[in-house]
């Protein structure tokens, strides 16, 4: 159980979600020059496995967080990549 200050668990969760979002986004959009594509696929599969273990409510919260991040991103191309990654990761069928 988290024993930090009241309210800090939510902030910590945002930092963790942001870290997972951008790690996943890197592996989903990297080129062969940036990362071995087999490694990228394996990392995405690992992330997907763990994210699939979230409850439906947690998935919905994470998806909403990702879409808020996309809406707030100042670079339209990156915002679109985040939105697409959110839909691919937590589409409506989940």
C-alpha atoms as a PDB file:
ATOM      1  CA  UNK A   1       0.000   0.000   0.000  1.00  0.00           C
ATOM      2  CA  UNK A   2       1.214   3.470  -0.815  1.00  0.00           C
ATOM      3  CA  UNK A   3       2.192   5.337   2.342  1.00  0.00           C
ATOM      4  CA  UNK A   4       2.972   8.789   0.966  1.00  0.00           C
ATOM      5  CA  UNK A   5       1.262  12.094   1.491  1.00  0.00           C
ATOM      6  CA  UNK A   6      -2.481  12.320   0.822  1.00  0.00           C
ATOM      7  CA  UNK A   7      -3.004  13.319  -2.791  1.00  0.00           C
ATOM      8  CA  UNK A   8       0.525  12.423  -3.847  1.00  0.00           C
ATOM      9  CA  UNK A   9      -0.505   8.946  -4.991  1.00  0.00           C
ATOM     10  CA  UNK A  10      -2.549  10.504  -7.802  1.00  0.00           C
ATOM     11  CA  UNK A  11       0.398  12.647  -8.863  1.00  0.00           C
ATOM     12  CA  UNK A  12       2.688   9.612  -8.751  1.00  0.00           C
ATOM     13  CA  UNK A  13       0.194   7.697 -10.882  1.00  0.00           C
ATOM     14  CA  UNK A  14       0.207  10.510 -13.453  1.00  0.00           C
ATOM     15  CA  UNK A  15       3.994  10.389 -13.643  1.00  0.00           C
ATOM     16  CA  UNK A  16       3.917   6.606 -14.025  1.00  0.00           C
ATOM     17  CA  UNK A  17       1.187   6.748 -16.673  1.00  0.00           C
ATOM     18  CA  UNK A  18       3.130   9.413 -18.580  1.00  0.00           C
ATOM     19  CA  UNK A  19       6.296   7.293 -18.417  1.00  0.00           C
ATOM     20  CA  UNK A  20       4.443   4.230 -19.721  1.00  0.00           C
ATOM     21  CA  UNK A  21       2.717   6.274 -22.396  1.00  0.00           C
ATOM     22  CA  UNK A  22       5.932   7.697 -23.823  1.00  0.00           C
ATOM     23  CA  UNK A  23       7.824   4.399 -23.541  1.00  0.00           C
ATOM     24  CA  UNK A  24       5.049   2.651 -25.432  1.00  0.00           C
ATOM     25  CA  UNK A  25       4.814   5.473 -27.943  1.00  0.00           C
ATOM     26  CA  UNK A  26       8.555   5.260 -28.600  1.00  0.00           C
ATOM     27  CA  UNK A  27       8.380   1.532 -29.287  1.00  0.00           C
ATOM     28  CA  UNK A  28       5.246   1.959 -31.420  1.00  0.00           C
ATOM     29  CA  UNK A  29       6.769   4.679 -33.606  1.00  0.00           C
ATOM     30  CA  UNK A  30      10.522   4.033 -33.602  1.00  0.00           C
ATOM     31  CA  UNK A  31      12.471   3.386 -36.750  1.00  0.00           C
ATOM     32  CA  UNK A  32      14.993   0.606 -37.232  1.00  0.00           C
ATOM     33  CA  UNK A  33      17.749   3.202 -36.821  1.00  0.00           C
ATOM     34  CA  UNK A  34      16.389   4.168 -33.382  1.00  0.00           C
ATOM     35  CA  UNK A  35      15.738   0.677 -32.045  1.00  0.00           C
ATOM     36  CA  UNK A  36      15.867  -2.895 -33.255  1.00  0.00           C
ATOM     37  CA  UNK A  37      12.312  -3.540 -34.471  1.00  0.00           C
ATOM     38  CA  UNK A  38      12.185  -7.035 -32.954  1.00  0.00           C
ATOM     39  CA  UNK A  39      13.062  -5.482 -29.592  1.00  0.00           C
ATOM     40  CA  UNK A  40      10.382  -2.817 -30.069  1.00  0.00           C
ATOM     41  CA  UNK A  41       7.733  -5.455 -30.795  1.00  0.00           C
ATOM     42  CA  UNK A  42       8.761  -7.521 -27.760  1.00  0.00           C
ATOM     43  CA  UNK A  43       8.622  -4.442 -25.515  1.00  0.00           C
ATOM     44  CA  UNK A  44       5.183  -3.481 -26.839  1.00  0.00           C
ATOM     45  CA  UNK A  45       3.948  -7.024 -26.268  1.00  0.00           C
ATOM     46  CA  UNK A  46       5.251  -6.884 -22.701  1.00  0.00           C
ATOM     47  CA  UNK A  47       3.531  -3.563 -22.054  1.00  0.00           C
ATOM     48  CA  UNK A  48       0.310  -4.854 -23.614  1.00  0.00           C
ATOM     49  CA  UNK A  49       0.386  -7.961 -21.422  1.00  0.00           C
ATOM     50  CA  UNK A  50       0.638  -5.907 -18.244  1.00  0.00           C
ATOM     51  CA  UNK A  51      -1.848  -3.248 -19.346  1.00  0.00           C
ATOM     52  CA  UNK A  52      -4.348  -5.975 -20.233  1.00  0.00           C
ATOM     53  CA  UNK A  53      -4.294  -7.011 -16.572  1.00  0.00           C
ATOM     54  CA  UNK A  54      -5.798  -3.655 -15.546  1.00  0.00           C
ATOM     55  CA  UNK A  55      -9.467  -3.561 -14.614  1.00  0.00           C
ATOM     56  CA  UNK A  56     -11.931  -2.080 -17.087  1.00  0.00           C
ATOM     57  CA  UNK A  57     -12.114   1.089 -14.958  1.00  0.00           C
ATOM     58  CA  UNK A  58      -8.313   1.383 -14.839  1.00  0.00           C
ATOM     59  CA  UNK A  59      -8.108   0.927 -18.603  1.00  0.00           C
ATOM     60  CA  UNK A  60     -10.730   3.633 -19.102  1.00  0.00           C
ATOM     61  CA  UNK A  61      -8.836   5.973 -16.767  1.00  0.00           C
ATOM     62  CA  UNK A  62      -5.530   5.340 -18.541  1.00  0.00           C
ATOM     63  CA  UNK A  63      -7.127   5.817 -21.968  1.00  0.00           C
ATOM     64  CA  UNK A  64      -8.685   9.100 -20.816  1.00  0.00           C
ATOM     65  CA  UNK A  65      -5.295  10.207 -19.459  1.00  0.00           C
ATOM     66  CA  UNK A  66      -3.638   9.397 -22.790  1.00  0.00           C
ATOM     67  CA  UNK A  67      -6.264  11.354 -24.710  1.00  0.00           C
ATOM     68  CA  UNK A  68      -5.830  14.349 -22.360  1.00  0.00           C
ATOM     69  CA  UNK A  69      -2.072  14.174 -22.963  1.00  0.00           C
ATOM     70  CA  UNK A  70      -2.707  14.128 -26.714  1.00  0.00           C
ATOM     71  CA  UNK A  71      -5.046  17.116 -26.510  1.00  0.00           C
ATOM     72  CA  UNK A  72      -2.486  19.092 -24.509  1.00  0.00           C
ATOM     73  CA  UNK A  73       0.545  18.219 -26.638  1.00  0.00           C
ATOM     74  CA  UNK A  74       1.861  21.251 -28.545  1.00  0.00           C
ATOM     75  CA  UNK A  75       3.087  19.266 -31.574  1.00  0.00           C
ATOM     76  CA  UNK A  76       0.139  18.099 -33.722  1.00  0.00           C
ATOM     77  CA  UNK A  77       2.018  15.093 -35.161  1.00  0.00           C
ATOM     78  CA  UNK A  78       2.878  13.805 -31.678  1.00  0.00           C
ATOM     79  CA  UNK A  79      -0.645  14.532 -30.430  1.00  0.00           C
ATOM     80  CA  UNK A  80      -2.022  12.412 -33.292  1.00  0.00           C
ATOM     81  CA  UNK A  81       0.443   9.600 -32.519  1.00  0.00           C
ATOM     82  CA  UNK A  82      -0.613   9.636 -28.853  1.00  0.00           C
ATOM     83  CA  UNK A  83      -4.309   9.522 -29.795  1.00  0.00           C
ATOM     84  CA  UNK A  84      -3.715   6.667 -32.198  1.00  0.00           C
ATOM     85  CA  UNK A  85      -1.652   4.776 -29.613  1.00  0.00           C
ATOM     86  CA  UNK A  86      -4.435   5.262 -27.026  1.00  0.00           C
ATOM     87  CA  UNK A  87      -7.010   3.835 -29.427  1.00  0.00           C
ATOM     88  CA  UNK A  88      -4.785   0.907 -30.392  1.00  0.00           C
ATOM     89  CA  UNK A  89      -4.011   0.142 -26.764  1.00  0.00           C
ATOM     90  CA  UNK A  90      -7.410   0.754 -25.190  1.00  0.00           C
ATOM     91  CA  UNK A  91      -9.913   0.738 -28.037  1.00  0.00           C
ATOM     92  CA  UNK A  92     -13.641   0.733 -27.452  1.00  0.00           C
ATOM     93  CA  UNK A  93     -13.804  -3.078 -27.467  1.00  0.00           C
ATOM     94  CA  UNK A  94     -11.835  -3.293 -24.173  1.00  0.00           C
END
